[in-house]
Amino acid sequence: MKKRWMTYVACLLCILGLFSLQLYFQAESKEGILDLSDESLNQIHLLTPITEFEPSKLIIANDTSSEFTHTFEHEQVLLSFDSSNQVVQITSLNPEVKTSKGISIGDSLVDVIDQYGEVYEKKDEEPYIQKVSYRDKQIELTFYLTNDIVEEMKLYVTQ
């Protein structure tokens, strides 16, 4: 009888252990649920080489950050390039610019969640600004909101 009871306890502990592992791996994999590899702003994709842009449409931006090799204004977005001259960040404050799922400046947090899902990171950046970020393994799409309304969008490479 005692041996049978010990067997039940051991089985219960194994089941609890497996359940805990499953929860752990589900939490770890949340980051990869959304695939952002085809995401764009104004139909511009990350890692696009600078040679793909019409030189006359690239306007040097006043970027005091030394984080990027080059930063240009181009068709209503701000493009930042790395040392290999590929787009590594796209930023927009313009309501005419859309993400690949149709979100633009002026849309609500509800609109964003409807299009990108409920697995996101939300932080308060400043007293009135919320940062809502979606990410996969290499890309992050961030919306900056005031009163749950999108004010800025940023798409960038995280690695």
N, C-alpha and C. Protein backbone atom coordinates (compact mmCIF):
# COMPACT_ATOMS: atom_id res chain seq x y z
N MET A 1 0.82 -1.19 0.00
CA MET A 1 0.00 0.00 0.00
C MET A 1 0.87 1.27 0.00
N LYS A 2 1.93 1.24 0.83
CA LYS A 2 2.82 2.38 0.90
C LYS A 2 3.55 2.58 -0.43
N LYS A 3 3.91 1.48 -1.09
CA LYS A 3 4.59 1.54 -2.37
C LYS A 3 3.67 2.15 -3.44
N ARG A 4 2.42 1.79 -3.42
CA ARG A 4 1.44 2.31 -4.37
C ARG A 4 1.27 3.82 -4.15
N TRP A 5 1.20 4.23 -2.90
CA TRP A 5 1.05 5.66 -2.58
C TRP A 5 2.27 6.44 -3.08
N MET A 6 3.45 5.91 -2.90
CA MET A 6 4.68 6.56 -3.37
C MET A 6 4.68 6.66 -4.90
N THR A 7 4.15 5.63 -5.57
CA THR A 7 4.08 5.65 -7.03
C THR A 7 3.13 6.76 -7.48
N TYR A 8 2.00 6.93 -6.83
CA TYR A 8 1.06 7.99 -7.16
C TYR A 8 1.70 9.36 -6.96
N VAL A 9 2.39 9.53 -5.87
CA VAL A 9 3.05 10.82 -5.59
C VAL A 9 4.11 11.10 -6.66
N ALA A 10 4.89 10.08 -7.01
CA ALA A 10 5.92 10.26 -8.03
C ALA A 10 5.30 10.63 -9.37
N CYS A 11 4.22 9.97 -9.73
CA CYS A 11 3.53 10.29 -11.00
C CYS A 11 2.98 11.71 -10.97
N LEU A 12 2.40 12.11 -9.86
CA LEU A 12 1.86 13.46 -9.72
C LEU A 12 2.97 14.50 -9.85
N LEU A 13 4.11 14.25 -9.23
CA LEU A 13 5.24 15.17 -9.33
C LEU A 13 5.76 15.26 -10.77
N CYS A 14 5.80 14.14 -11.47
CA CYS A 14 6.22 14.14 -12.88
C CYS A 14 5.26 14.96 -13.73
N ILE A 15 3.96 14.77 -13.50
CA ILE A 15 2.96 15.52 -14.26
C ILE A 15 3.09 17.01 -13.99
N LEU A 16 3.26 17.39 -12.73
CA LEU A 16 3.44 18.80 -12.37
C LEU A 16 4.71 19.36 -13.01
N GLY A 17 5.76 18.57 -13.01
CA GLY A 17 7.02 19.00 -13.62
C GLY A 17 6.86 19.23 -15.11
N LEU A 18 6.20 18.33 -15.80
CA LEU A 18 5.98 18.48 -17.24
C LEU A 18 5.10 19.69 -17.54
N PHE A 19 4.08 19.88 -16.71
CA PHE A 19 3.20 21.03 -16.89
C PHE A 19 3.99 22.33 -16.71
N SER A 20 4.85 22.37 -15.70
CA SER A 20 5.67 23.56 -15.45
C SER A 20 6.61 23.83 -16.62
N LEU A 21 7.22 22.79 -17.17
CA LEU A 21 8.09 22.96 -18.33
C LEU A 21 7.33 23.49 -19.53
N GLN A 22 6.12 22.98 -19.74
CA GLN A 22 5.31 23.44 -20.85
C GLN A 22 5.00 24.93 -20.70
N LEU A 23 4.62 25.35 -19.51
CA LEU A 23 4.35 26.77 -19.28
C LEU A 23 5.59 27.62 -19.50
N TYR A 24 6.74 27.14 -19.05
CA TYR A 24 7.99 27.86 -19.22
C TYR A 24 8.30 28.06 -20.71
N PHE A 25 8.20 26.98 -21.50
CA PHE A 25 8.52 27.08 -22.91
C PHE A 25 7.49 27.90 -23.68
N GLN A 26 6.24 27.89 -23.24
CA GLN A 26 5.25 28.75 -23.88
C GLN A 26 5.59 30.20 -23.63
N ALA A 27 5.98 30.54 -22.41
CA ALA A 27 6.36 31.91 -22.08
C ALA A 27 7.60 32.32 -22.86
N GLU A 28 8.58 31.43 -22.99
CA GLU A 28 9.80 31.73 -23.72
C GLU A 28 9.53 31.94 -25.20
N SER A 29 8.56 31.22 -25.76
CA SER A 29 8.32 31.29 -27.20
C SER A 29 7.37 32.42 -27.57
N LYS A 30 6.81 33.16 -26.62
CA LYS A 30 5.91 34.26 -26.94
C LYS A 30 6.57 35.27 -27.86
N GLU A 31 7.88 35.49 -27.65
CA GLU A 31 8.59 36.45 -28.45
C GLU A 31 8.54 36.08 -29.93
N GLY A 32 8.50 34.82 -30.25
CA GLY A 32 8.54 34.38 -31.63
C GLY A 32 7.18 34.09 -32.24
N ILE A 33 6.09 34.39 -31.55
CA ILE A 33 4.76 34.08 -32.07
C ILE A 33 4.45 34.92 -33.31
N LEU A 34 4.81 36.18 -33.29
CA LEU A 34 4.52 37.08 -34.40
C LEU A 34 5.73 37.14 -35.33
N ASP A 35 5.52 36.87 -36.59
CA ASP A 35 6.60 36.93 -37.57
C ASP A 35 6.57 38.32 -38.21
N LEU A 36 7.61 39.10 -37.95
CA LEU A 36 7.68 40.47 -38.48
C LEU A 36 8.61 40.58 -39.69
N SER A 37 9.03 39.46 -40.24
CA SER A 37 10.01 39.50 -41.33
C SER A 37 9.48 40.20 -42.59
N ASP A 38 8.18 40.24 -42.80
CA ASP A 38 7.61 40.94 -43.95
C ASP A 38 7.02 42.29 -43.59
N GLU A 39 7.26 42.74 -42.37
CA GLU A 39 6.71 44.02 -41.91
C GLU A 39 7.40 45.18 -42.63
N SER A 40 6.65 46.25 -42.83
CA SER A 40 7.20 47.44 -43.49
C SER A 40 6.50 48.69 -42.99
N LEU A 41 7.13 49.82 -43.23
CA LEU A 41 6.49 51.12 -43.05
C LEU A 41 6.58 51.81 -44.40
N ASN A 42 5.45 52.26 -44.89
CA ASN A 42 5.37 52.91 -46.20
C ASN A 42 5.93 52.00 -47.30
N GLN A 43 5.72 50.71 -47.13
CA GLN A 43 6.18 49.66 -48.05
C GLN A 43 7.70 49.59 -48.17
N ILE A 44 8.40 50.09 -47.15
CA ILE A 44 9.86 49.97 -47.09
C ILE A 44 10.19 48.91 -46.05
N HIS A 45 11.02 47.97 -46.43
CA HIS A 45 11.37 46.85 -45.55
C HIS A 45 12.75 47.05 -44.94
N LEU A 46 12.94 46.48 -43.78
CA LEU A 46 14.25 46.50 -43.15
C LEU A 46 15.25 45.72 -44.00
N LEU A 47 16.50 46.08 -43.86
CA LEU A 47 17.64 45.47 -44.55
C LEU A 47 17.65 45.72 -46.07
N THR A 48 16.82 46.66 -46.51
CA THR A 48 16.88 47.09 -47.91
C THR A 48 18.17 47.88 -48.10
N PRO A 49 18.95 47.55 -49.13
CA PRO A 49 20.21 48.29 -49.34
C PRO A 49 19.94 49.71 -49.83
N ILE A 50 20.85 50.61 -49.48
CA ILE A 50 20.70 52.02 -49.83
C ILE A 50 20.63 52.21 -51.35
N THR A 51 21.22 51.29 -52.10
CA THR A 51 21.21 51.39 -53.56
C THR A 51 19.82 51.21 -54.17
N GLU A 52 18.86 50.71 -53.39
CA GLU A 52 17.49 50.53 -53.87
C GLU A 52 16.69 51.83 -53.86
N PHE A 53 17.25 52.89 -53.28
CA PHE A 53 16.54 54.17 -53.16
C PHE A 53 17.07 55.15 -54.19
N GLU A 54 16.15 55.94 -54.74
CA GLU A 54 16.52 57.01 -55.67
C GLU A 54 17.32 58.05 -54.87
N PRO A 55 18.60 58.27 -55.24
CA PRO A 55 19.44 59.20 -54.47
C PRO A 55 18.84 60.59 -54.30
N SER A 56 18.13 61.07 -55.31
CA SER A 56 17.55 62.42 -55.21
C SER A 56 16.42 62.50 -54.19
N LYS A 57 15.89 61.35 -53.78
CA LYS A 57 14.80 61.33 -52.79
C LYS A 57 15.29 61.12 -51.37
N LEU A 58 16.60 60.94 -51.19
CA LEU A 58 17.18 60.78 -49.86
C LEU A 58 17.68 62.14 -49.38
N ILE A 59 17.08 62.64 -48.33
CA ILE A 59 17.45 63.94 -47.78
C ILE A 59 18.14 63.70 -46.45
N ILE A 60 19.34 64.23 -46.31
CA ILE A 60 20.11 64.01 -45.07
C ILE A 60 19.33 64.58 -43.90
N ALA A 61 19.16 63.76 -42.87
CA ALA A 61 18.40 64.17 -41.68
C ALA A 61 19.36 64.71 -40.63
N ASN A 62 18.85 65.58 -39.81
CA ASN A 62 19.62 66.12 -38.69
C ASN A 62 19.55 65.14 -37.54
N ASP A 63 20.33 64.08 -37.63
CA ASP A 63 20.36 63.06 -36.59
C ASP A 63 21.65 63.21 -35.81
N THR A 64 21.55 63.63 -34.57
CA THR A 64 22.74 63.84 -33.75
C THR A 64 23.23 62.55 -33.11
N SER A 65 22.48 61.49 -33.27
CA SER A 65 22.85 60.20 -32.71
C SER A 65 23.98 59.59 -33.53
N SER A 66 24.93 59.00 -32.86
CA SER A 66 26.02 58.32 -33.57
C SER A 66 25.71 56.83 -33.69
N GLU A 67 24.49 56.46 -33.37
CA GLU A 67 24.07 55.06 -33.39
C GLU A 67 24.06 54.50 -34.81
N PHE A 68 23.78 55.35 -35.81
CA PHE A 68 23.65 54.90 -37.19
C PHE A 68 24.70 55.57 -38.07
N THR A 69 25.07 54.88 -39.15
CA THR A 69 26.04 55.44 -40.08
C THR A 69 25.44 56.59 -40.87
N HIS A 70 24.21 56.39 -41.38
CA HIS A 70 23.51 57.42 -42.16
C HIS A 70 22.05 57.44 -41.74
N THR A 71 21.46 58.62 -41.73
CA THR A 71 20.03 58.75 -41.51
C THR A 71 19.49 59.75 -42.53
N PHE A 72 18.44 59.33 -43.24
CA PHE A 72 17.85 60.16 -44.29
C PHE A 72 16.35 60.24 -44.11
N GLU A 73 15.79 61.36 -44.57
CA GLU A 73 14.34 61.45 -44.75
C GLU A 73 14.06 60.93 -46.15
N HIS A 74 13.01 60.12 -46.26
CA HIS A 74 12.66 59.55 -47.57
C HIS A 74 11.17 59.26 -47.59
N GLU A 75 10.46 59.96 -48.46
CA GLU A 75 9.03 59.72 -48.65
C GLU A 75 8.27 59.54 -47.33
N GLN A 76 8.33 60.53 -46.49
CA GLN A 76 7.54 60.61 -45.25
C GLN A 76 8.03 59.70 -44.12
N VAL A 77 9.19 59.09 -44.26
CA VAL A 77 9.76 58.30 -43.16
C VAL A 77 11.21 58.70 -42.95
N LEU A 78 11.72 58.34 -41.80
CA LEU A 78 13.13 58.54 -41.47
C LEU A 78 13.80 57.17 -41.58
N LEU A 79 14.82 57.06 -42.42
CA LEU A 79 15.53 55.80 -42.64
C LEU A 79 16.90 55.88 -42.03
N SER A 80 17.25 54.88 -41.23
CA SER A 80 18.59 54.82 -40.65
C SER A 80 19.30 53.59 -41.20
N PHE A 81 20.56 53.80 -41.59
CA PHE A 81 21.35 52.75 -42.22
C PHE A 81 22.53 52.38 -41.33
N ASP A 82 22.93 51.12 -41.40
CA ASP A 82 24.10 50.67 -40.66
C ASP A 82 25.35 50.81 -41.54
N SER A 83 26.47 50.32 -41.06
CA SER A 83 27.74 50.46 -41.78
C SER A 83 27.76 49.67 -43.10
N SER A 84 26.88 48.69 -43.24
CA SER A 84 26.81 47.97 -44.52
C SER A 84 25.76 48.58 -45.45
N ASN A 85 25.29 49.77 -45.09
CA ASN A 85 24.34 50.54 -45.90
C ASN A 85 23.02 49.83 -46.14
N GLN A 86 22.52 49.16 -45.11
CA GLN A 86 21.19 48.55 -45.16
C GLN A 86 20.30 49.25 -44.14
N VAL A 87 19.01 49.35 -44.46
CA VAL A 87 18.05 49.98 -43.55
C VAL A 87 17.94 49.13 -42.29
N VAL A 88 18.20 49.73 -41.14
CA VAL A 88 18.08 49.02 -39.87
C VAL A 88 17.01 49.64 -38.97
N GLN A 89 16.51 50.81 -39.37
CA GLN A 89 15.42 51.43 -38.62
C GLN A 89 14.61 52.33 -39.53
N ILE A 90 13.28 52.25 -39.37
CA ILE A 90 12.35 53.11 -40.12
C ILE A 90 11.44 53.75 -39.09
N THR A 91 11.33 55.07 -39.14
CA THR A 91 10.52 55.80 -38.15
C THR A 91 9.54 56.70 -38.89
N SER A 92 8.32 56.81 -38.35
CA SER A 92 7.34 57.70 -38.97
C SER A 92 6.50 58.42 -37.92
N LEU A 93 6.23 59.69 -38.22
CA LEU A 93 5.30 60.51 -37.46
C LEU A 93 4.16 60.97 -38.37
N ASN A 94 4.14 60.48 -39.59
CA ASN A 94 3.22 60.95 -40.62
C ASN A 94 1.99 60.05 -40.71
N PRO A 95 0.77 60.62 -40.62
CA PRO A 95 -0.45 59.82 -40.67
C PRO A 95 -0.71 59.13 -42.02
N GLU A 96 0.00 59.54 -43.07
CA GLU A 96 -0.18 58.89 -44.37
C GLU A 96 0.62 57.59 -44.49
N VAL A 97 1.58 57.38 -43.60
CA VAL A 97 2.42 56.19 -43.63
C VAL A 97 1.70 55.06 -42.90
N LYS A 98 1.71 53.89 -43.51
CA LYS A 98 1.03 52.73 -42.92
C LYS A 98 2.01 51.57 -42.72
N THR A 99 1.71 50.75 -41.73
CA THR A 99 2.43 49.49 -41.58
C THR A 99 1.89 48.52 -42.62
N SER A 100 2.49 47.35 -42.71
CA SER A 100 2.01 46.38 -43.69
C SER A 100 0.61 45.88 -43.37
N LYS A 101 0.16 46.10 -42.12
CA LYS A 101 -1.20 45.70 -41.74
C LYS A 101 -2.15 46.89 -41.67
N GLY A 102 -1.71 48.03 -42.18
CA GLY A 102 -2.60 49.18 -42.31
C GLY A 102 -2.70 50.12 -41.13
N ILE A 103 -1.86 49.96 -40.13
CA ILE A 103 -1.89 50.87 -38.97
C ILE A 103 -1.13 52.14 -39.31
N SER A 104 -1.68 53.29 -38.88
CA SER A 104 -1.02 54.57 -39.13
C SER A 104 -1.19 55.48 -37.92
N ILE A 105 -0.51 56.61 -37.98
CA ILE A 105 -0.62 57.61 -36.91
C ILE A 105 -2.09 58.02 -36.81
N GLY A 106 -2.59 58.08 -35.57
CA GLY A 106 -3.98 58.44 -35.34
C GLY A 106 -4.86 57.25 -35.04
N ASP A 107 -4.38 56.04 -35.33
CA ASP A 107 -5.14 54.83 -35.00
C ASP A 107 -5.07 54.58 -33.50
N SER A 108 -6.00 53.80 -33.00
CA SER A 108 -6.09 53.53 -31.56
C SER A 108 -5.30 52.28 -31.18
N LEU A 109 -5.08 52.14 -29.89
CA LEU A 109 -4.44 50.93 -29.37
C LEU A 109 -5.29 49.71 -29.71
N VAL A 110 -6.59 49.84 -29.67
CA VAL A 110 -7.49 48.73 -30.04
C VAL A 110 -7.25 48.31 -31.48
N ASP A 111 -7.06 49.28 -32.39
CA ASP A 111 -6.77 48.97 -33.79
C ASP A 111 -5.45 48.19 -33.90
N VAL A 112 -4.44 48.64 -33.16
CA VAL A 112 -3.14 47.98 -33.18
C VAL A 112 -3.27 46.53 -32.71
N ILE A 113 -3.96 46.33 -31.59
CA ILE A 113 -4.13 44.98 -31.04
C ILE A 113 -4.95 44.11 -31.99
N ASP A 114 -5.96 44.69 -32.62
CA ASP A 114 -6.75 43.92 -33.60
C ASP A 114 -5.88 43.40 -34.74
N GLN A 115 -4.90 44.20 -35.16
CA GLN A 115 -4.06 43.81 -36.30
C GLN A 115 -2.86 42.95 -35.90
N TYR A 116 -2.25 43.23 -34.74
CA TYR A 116 -1.00 42.57 -34.37
C TYR A 116 -1.13 41.59 -33.21
N GLY A 117 -2.25 41.59 -32.53
CA GLY A 117 -2.46 40.60 -31.48
C GLY A 117 -2.20 41.13 -30.08
N GLU A 118 -2.48 40.27 -29.13
CA GLU A 118 -2.42 40.65 -27.72
C GLU A 118 -1.10 40.30 -27.04
N VAL A 119 -0.15 39.75 -27.79
CA VAL A 119 1.15 39.43 -27.20
C VAL A 119 2.10 40.57 -27.52
N TYR A 120 2.19 41.53 -26.60
CA TYR A 120 3.03 42.70 -26.79
C TYR A 120 3.58 43.13 -25.44
N GLU A 121 4.59 43.98 -25.51
CA GLU A 121 5.17 44.57 -24.30
C GLU A 121 4.71 46.01 -24.21
N LYS A 122 4.23 46.41 -23.06
CA LYS A 122 3.73 47.77 -22.89
C LYS A 122 4.50 48.44 -21.75
N LYS A 123 5.03 49.64 -22.04
CA LYS A 123 5.78 50.39 -21.03
C LYS A 123 5.33 51.84 -21.07
N ASP A 124 5.39 52.48 -19.93
CA ASP A 124 5.17 53.92 -19.88
C ASP A 124 6.53 54.59 -20.04
N GLU A 125 6.71 55.32 -21.15
CA GLU A 125 7.97 55.99 -21.44
C GLU A 125 8.09 57.29 -20.66
N GLU A 126 7.09 58.09 -20.72
CA GLU A 126 7.02 59.37 -20.03
C GLU A 126 5.64 59.43 -19.41
N PRO A 127 5.36 60.49 -18.67
CA PRO A 127 4.05 60.50 -17.99
C PRO A 127 2.85 60.25 -18.90
N TYR A 128 2.90 60.70 -20.14
CA TYR A 128 1.73 60.57 -21.00
C TYR A 128 1.97 59.73 -22.25
N ILE A 129 3.12 59.09 -22.34
CA ILE A 129 3.45 58.31 -23.53
C ILE A 129 3.59 56.84 -23.17
N GLN A 130 2.88 56.00 -23.91
CA GLN A 130 2.98 54.55 -23.74
C GLN A 130 3.75 53.98 -24.94
N LYS A 131 4.55 52.98 -24.66
CA LYS A 131 5.31 52.29 -25.71
C LYS A 131 4.77 50.87 -25.80
N VAL A 132 4.23 50.52 -26.96
CA VAL A 132 3.70 49.18 -27.20
C VAL A 132 4.56 48.53 -28.27
N SER A 133 5.22 47.42 -27.92
CA SER A 133 6.18 46.79 -28.83
C SER A 133 5.81 45.35 -29.14
N TYR A 134 5.94 45.03 -30.40
CA TYR A 134 5.81 43.66 -30.88
C TYR A 134 7.19 43.26 -31.38
N ARG A 135 7.59 42.03 -31.09
CA ARG A 135 8.91 41.62 -31.57
C ARG A 135 8.94 40.14 -31.91
N ASP A 136 9.82 39.86 -32.83
CA ASP A 136 10.16 38.47 -33.08
C ASP A 136 11.65 38.35 -32.75
N LYS A 137 12.33 37.38 -33.28
CA LYS A 137 13.71 37.16 -32.88
C LYS A 137 14.67 38.24 -33.37
N GLN A 138 14.36 38.94 -34.47
CA GLN A 138 15.30 39.92 -35.02
C GLN A 138 14.71 41.31 -35.24
N ILE A 139 13.41 41.45 -35.14
CA ILE A 139 12.75 42.70 -35.51
C ILE A 139 11.81 43.15 -34.40
N GLU A 140 11.75 44.46 -34.21
CA GLU A 140 10.78 45.01 -33.26
C GLU A 140 9.98 46.11 -33.96
N LEU A 141 8.68 46.10 -33.73
CA LEU A 141 7.77 47.12 -34.23
C LEU A 141 7.19 47.80 -32.99
N THR A 142 7.46 49.09 -32.87
CA THR A 142 7.04 49.83 -31.68
C THR A 142 6.10 50.96 -32.06
N PHE A 143 5.04 51.07 -31.28
CA PHE A 143 4.09 52.16 -31.42
C PHE A 143 4.18 53.01 -30.16
N TYR A 144 4.32 54.32 -30.34
CA TYR A 144 4.30 55.25 -29.21
C TYR A 144 2.93 55.90 -29.21
N LEU A 145 2.24 55.81 -28.07
CA LEU A 145 0.86 56.27 -27.99
C LEU A 145 0.68 57.32 -26.90
N THR A 146 -0.22 58.24 -27.15
CA THR A 146 -0.68 59.20 -26.16
C THR A 146 -2.19 59.03 -26.07
N ASN A 147 -2.69 58.80 -24.87
CA ASN A 147 -4.13 58.55 -24.67
C ASN A 147 -4.64 57.45 -25.59
N ASP A 148 -3.85 56.37 -25.72
CA ASP A 148 -4.18 55.20 -26.53
C ASP A 148 -4.32 55.50 -28.03
N ILE A 149 -3.70 56.57 -28.50
CA ILE A 149 -3.68 56.92 -29.93
C ILE A 149 -2.23 56.90 -30.42
N VAL A 150 -2.00 56.24 -31.56
CA VAL A 150 -0.64 56.13 -32.11
C VAL A 150 -0.15 57.51 -32.54
N GLU A 151 1.05 57.89 -32.02
CA GLU A 151 1.68 59.17 -32.35
C GLU A 151 2.95 58.98 -33.16
N GLU A 152 3.60 57.80 -33.01
CA GLU A 152 4.84 57.51 -33.72
C GLU A 152 4.95 56.00 -33.91
N MET A 153 5.58 55.60 -35.01
CA MET A 153 5.81 54.18 -35.29
C MET A 153 7.28 53.98 -35.62
N LYS A 154 7.84 52.90 -35.13
CA LYS A 154 9.25 52.61 -35.37
C LYS A 154 9.41 51.11 -35.62
N LEU A 155 10.08 50.79 -36.71
CA LEU A 155 10.39 49.41 -37.08
C LEU A 155 11.90 49.30 -37.14
N TYR A 156 12.47 48.33 -36.42
CA TYR A 156 13.93 48.25 -36.42
C TYR A 156 14.44 46.85 -36.15
N VAL A 157 15.69 46.66 -36.56
CA VAL A 157 16.40 45.40 -36.34
C VAL A 157 16.94 45.41 -34.91
N THR A 158 16.73 44.32 -34.20
CA THR A 158 17.16 44.26 -32.80
C THR A 158 18.53 43.66 -32.61
N GLN A 159 19.06 42.97 -33.61
CA GLN A 159 20.38 42.34 -33.45
C GLN A 159 21.37 42.88 -34.44
